[in-house]
Amino acid sequence: MKVAFPSQEDRGLDSIVHGHFGSANYFVIVETDDGLFDTIQNPERDHLHGQCQPLNALGGSRVDAVVAGGIGGGALRKLLAAGLKVYRAVDGSVKDNLELIQSAKLPEFAINLTCGGHGGHGGCAH
């Protein structure tokens, strides 16, 4: 399974999973079968809130799942409609969260846990 993890830094498996899917600088994409990974830049990083195009943010990379600390409802719906699983990350590195997803200990995101906006216009459950 190929899994994408948003991150602010390009530190491979040691990258900290970012709390906001769409505004991450990078995505660390890991193949769970062999642990090989690649890091890509997020071309959609500077979108307006609610205007995230999550498949474009992944730069055309095909993945089976996303693990993020937080995500907006629109982005979550678009990823789910594309057939991806979306998991809620714990604080920590890609490596930490990868171990949890491999042992089936990360919960899938529910729509009631998505980001409702920032700057006083909504809140986040993360």
C-alpha atoms as a PDB file:
ATOM      1  CA  MET A   1       0.000   0.000   0.000  1.00  0.00           C
ATOM      2  CA  LYS A   2       1.259   3.498  -0.837  1.00  0.00           C
ATOM      3  CA  VAL A   3       0.619   6.062   1.891  1.00  0.00           C
ATOM      4  CA  ALA A   4       1.092   9.858   1.742  1.00  0.00           C
ATOM      5  CA  PHE A   5       2.073  11.822   4.858  1.00  0.00           C
ATOM      6  CA  PRO A   6       2.013  15.669   4.819  1.00  0.00           C
ATOM      7  CA  SER A   7       5.080  17.334   6.323  1.00  0.00           C
ATOM      8  CA  GLN A   8       6.645  20.764   6.610  1.00  0.00           C
ATOM      9  CA  GLU A   9      10.210  19.439   6.301  1.00  0.00           C
ATOM     10  CA  ASP A  10      11.923  17.075   3.907  1.00  0.00           C
ATOM     11  CA  ARG A  11      13.433  14.648   6.433  1.00  0.00           C
ATOM     12  CA  GLY A  12      12.176  11.385   4.980  1.00  0.00           C
ATOM     13  CA  LEU A  13      10.767   8.952   7.535  1.00  0.00           C
ATOM     14  CA  ASP A  14      11.898  11.296  10.323  1.00  0.00           C
ATOM     15  CA  SER A  15       9.635  14.087   9.028  1.00  0.00           C
ATOM     16  CA  ILE A  16       6.952  15.160  11.494  1.00  0.00           C
ATOM     17  CA  VAL A  17       3.425  14.585  10.174  1.00  0.00           C
ATOM     18  CA  HIS A  18       1.885  18.020   9.629  1.00  0.00           C
ATOM     19  CA  GLY A  19      -1.415  18.995  11.232  1.00  0.00           C
ATOM     20  CA  HIS A  20      -2.928  20.411   8.037  1.00  0.00           C
ATOM     21  CA  PHE A  21      -3.041  18.241   4.931  1.00  0.00           C
ATOM     22  CA  GLY A  22      -3.479  20.943   2.307  1.00  0.00           C
ATOM     23  CA  SER A  23      -0.947  23.468   3.598  1.00  0.00           C
ATOM     24  CA  ALA A  24       1.955  21.028   4.009  1.00  0.00           C
ATOM     25  CA  ASN A  25       5.148  21.876   2.133  1.00  0.00           C
ATOM     26  CA  TYR A  26       5.801  18.239   1.259  1.00  0.00           C
ATOM     27  CA  PHE A  27       4.313  14.779   1.123  1.00  0.00           C
ATOM     28  CA  VAL A  28       6.369  11.772   2.113  1.00  0.00           C
ATOM     29  CA  ILE A  29       5.006   8.853   0.110  1.00  0.00           C
ATOM     30  CA  VAL A  30       5.849   5.454   1.557  1.00  0.00           C
ATOM     31  CA  GLU A  31       5.363   1.982   0.103  1.00  0.00           C
ATOM     32  CA  THR A  32       4.407  -0.074   3.162  1.00  0.00           C
ATOM     33  CA  ASP A  33       5.531  -3.379   1.658  1.00  0.00           C
ATOM     34  CA  ASP A  34       9.196  -2.444   1.336  1.00  0.00           C
ATOM     35  CA  GLY A  35       9.553   0.848   3.254  1.00  0.00           C
ATOM     36  CA  LEU A  36      10.830   2.726   0.202  1.00  0.00           C
ATOM     37  CA  PHE A  37       9.764   6.359   0.127  1.00  0.00           C
ATOM     38  CA  ASP A  38       9.856   9.492  -1.960  1.00  0.00           C
ATOM     39  CA  THR A  39       9.269  13.109  -0.965  1.00  0.00           C
ATOM     40  CA  ILE A  40       7.375  15.466  -3.253  1.00  0.00           C
ATOM     41  CA  GLN A  41       6.563  19.154  -2.971  1.00  0.00           C
ATOM     42  CA  ASN A  42       2.939  20.226  -2.568  1.00  0.00           C
ATOM     43  CA  PRO A  43       2.029  22.389  -5.586  1.00  0.00           C
ATOM     44  CA  GLU A  44      -1.313  23.318  -3.966  1.00  0.00           C
ATOM     45  CA  ARG A  45       0.187  24.604  -0.695  1.00  0.00           C
ATOM     46  CA  ASP A  46      -1.067  28.190  -0.999  1.00  0.00           C
ATOM     47  CA  HIS A  47      -4.740  27.514  -1.749  1.00  0.00           C
ATOM     48  CA  LEU A  48      -7.578  29.349  -0.027  1.00  0.00           C
ATOM     49  CA  HIS A  49      -9.255  27.502   2.839  1.00  0.00           C
ATOM     50  CA  GLY A  50     -11.931  25.248   1.420  1.00  0.00           C
ATOM     51  CA  GLN A  51     -10.381  25.267  -2.064  1.00  0.00           C
ATOM     52  CA  CYS A  52      -7.976  22.351  -1.578  1.00  0.00           C
ATOM     53  CA  GLN A  53      -7.570  20.033  -4.545  1.00  0.00           C
ATOM     54  CA  PRO A  54      -6.099  17.054  -2.668  1.00  0.00           C
ATOM     55  CA  LEU A  55      -5.281  14.904  -5.678  1.00  0.00           C
ATOM     56  CA  ASN A  56      -3.439  17.858  -7.259  1.00  0.00           C
ATOM     57  CA  ALA A  57      -1.633  18.432  -3.954  1.00  0.00           C
ATOM     58  CA  LEU A  58      -0.206  14.923  -4.296  1.00  0.00           C
ATOM     59  CA  GLY A  59       1.367  16.001  -7.580  1.00  0.00           C
ATOM     60  CA  GLY A  60      -0.127  13.156  -9.578  1.00  0.00           C
ATOM     61  CA  SER A  61       1.334  10.509  -7.277  1.00  0.00           C
ATOM     62  CA  ARG A  62      -0.980   7.532  -6.970  1.00  0.00           C
ATOM     63  CA  VAL A  63      -1.536   6.539  -3.361  1.00  0.00           C
ATOM     64  CA  ASP A  64      -3.921   4.242  -1.529  1.00  0.00           C
ATOM     65  CA  ALA A  65      -4.128   6.214   1.715  1.00  0.00           C
ATOM     66  CA  VAL A  66      -3.326   9.510   3.420  1.00  0.00           C
ATOM     67  CA  VAL A  67      -2.313   9.987   7.059  1.00  0.00           C
ATOM     68  CA  ALA A  68      -2.709  13.558   8.337  1.00  0.00           C
ATOM     69  CA  GLY A  69      -3.072  15.369  11.636  1.00  0.00           C
ATOM     70  CA  GLY A  70      -5.904  17.471  10.246  1.00  0.00           C
ATOM     71  CA  ILE A  71      -7.849  17.895   7.019  1.00  0.00           C
ATOM     72  CA  GLY A  72     -10.778  19.972   5.789  1.00  0.00           C
ATOM     73  CA  GLY A  73     -14.137  18.405   5.053  1.00  0.00           C
ATOM     74  CA  GLY A  74     -13.981  19.151   1.334  1.00  0.00           C
ATOM     75  CA  ALA A  75     -10.543  17.588   0.955  1.00  0.00           C
ATOM     76  CA  LEU A  76     -11.632  14.550   2.955  1.00  0.00           C
ATOM     77  CA  ARG A  77     -14.715  14.061   0.778  1.00  0.00           C
ATOM     78  CA  LYS A  78     -12.647  14.353  -2.417  1.00  0.00           C
ATOM     79  CA  LEU A  79     -10.075  11.819  -1.223  1.00  0.00           C
ATOM     80  CA  LEU A  80     -12.771   9.376  -0.121  1.00  0.00           C
ATOM     81  CA  ALA A  81     -14.608   9.800  -3.448  1.00  0.00           C
ATOM     82  CA  ALA A  82     -11.357   8.887  -5.216  1.00  0.00           C
ATOM     83  CA  GLY A  83     -11.250   5.647  -3.220  1.00  0.00           C
ATOM     84  CA  LEU A  84      -8.475   6.585  -0.785  1.00  0.00           C
ATOM     85  CA  LYS A  85      -8.451   5.754   2.909  1.00  0.00           C
ATOM     86  CA  VAL A  86      -7.750   8.762   5.160  1.00  0.00           C
ATOM     87  CA  TYR A  87      -6.288   8.135   8.602  1.00  0.00           C
ATOM     88  CA  ARG A  88      -5.896  10.496  11.540  1.00  0.00           C
ATOM     89  CA  ALA A  89      -2.240  10.828  12.539  1.00  0.00           C
ATOM     90  CA  VAL A  90      -0.862  10.954  16.048  1.00  0.00           C
ATOM     91  CA  ASP A  91       1.766  13.517  16.980  1.00  0.00           C
ATOM     92  CA  GLY A  92       5.086  12.264  15.750  1.00  0.00           C
ATOM     93  CA  SER A  93       7.081  11.258  12.724  1.00  0.00           C
ATOM     94  CA  VAL A  94       6.153   9.518   9.511  1.00  0.00           C
ATOM     95  CA  LYS A  95       7.972   6.474  10.885  1.00  0.00           C
ATOM     96  CA  ASP A  96       5.880   6.521  14.103  1.00  0.00           C
ATOM     97  CA  ASN A  97       2.618   6.784  12.186  1.00  0.00           C
ATOM     98  CA  LEU A  98       3.719   4.205   9.623  1.00  0.00           C
ATOM     99  CA  GLU A  99       4.224   1.673  12.405  1.00  0.00           C
ATOM    100  CA  LEU A 100       0.723   2.431  13.718  1.00  0.00           C
ATOM    101  CA  ILE A 101      -0.940   2.111  10.325  1.00  0.00           C
ATOM    102  CA  GLN A 102       0.841  -1.192   9.714  1.00  0.00           C
ATOM    103  CA  SER A 103      -0.489  -2.523  13.021  1.00  0.00           C
ATOM    104  CA  ALA A 104      -4.025  -1.199  12.270  1.00  0.00           C
ATOM    105  CA  LYS A 105      -3.922   1.252  15.205  1.00  0.00           C
ATOM    106  CA  LEU A 106      -4.691   4.521  13.385  1.00  0.00           C
ATOM    107  CA  PRO A 107      -8.358   5.500  13.130  1.00  0.00           C
ATOM    108  CA  GLU A 108      -9.895   6.590   9.861  1.00  0.00           C
ATOM    109  CA  PHE A 109     -10.947  10.245   9.706  1.00  0.00           C
ATOM    110  CA  ALA A 110     -14.610  10.973  10.335  1.00  0.00           C
ATOM    111  CA  ILE A 111     -16.228  14.052   8.828  1.00  0.00           C
ATOM    112  CA  ASN A 112     -16.995  15.429  12.323  1.00  0.00           C
ATOM    113  CA  LEU A 113     -13.238  15.575  13.067  1.00  0.00           C
ATOM    114  CA  THR A 114     -12.272  17.726  10.093  1.00  0.00           C
ATOM    115  CA  CYS A 115     -10.952  21.284  10.170  1.00  0.00           C
ATOM    116  CA  GLY A 116     -13.640  23.923  10.021  1.00  0.00           C
ATOM    117  CA  GLY A 117     -11.286  26.796   9.314  1.00  0.00           C
ATOM    118  CA  HIS A 118      -8.804  28.934  11.162  1.00  0.00           C
ATOM    119  CA  GLY A 119      -8.360  32.469  12.356  1.00  0.00           C
ATOM    120  CA  GLY A 120     -11.592  32.601  14.341  1.00  0.00           C
ATOM    121  CA  HIS A 121     -13.754  31.287  11.507  1.00  0.00           C
ATOM    122  CA  GLY A 122     -13.974  27.717  12.708  1.00  0.00           C
ATOM    123  CA  GLY A 123     -12.040  25.134  14.574  1.00  0.00           C
ATOM    124  CA  CYS A 124     -10.128  21.927  14.299  1.00  0.00           C
ATOM    125  CA  ALA A 125     -10.444  18.705  16.224  1.00  0.00           C
ATOM    126  CA  HIS A 126      -6.672  18.119  16.206  1.00  0.00           C
END
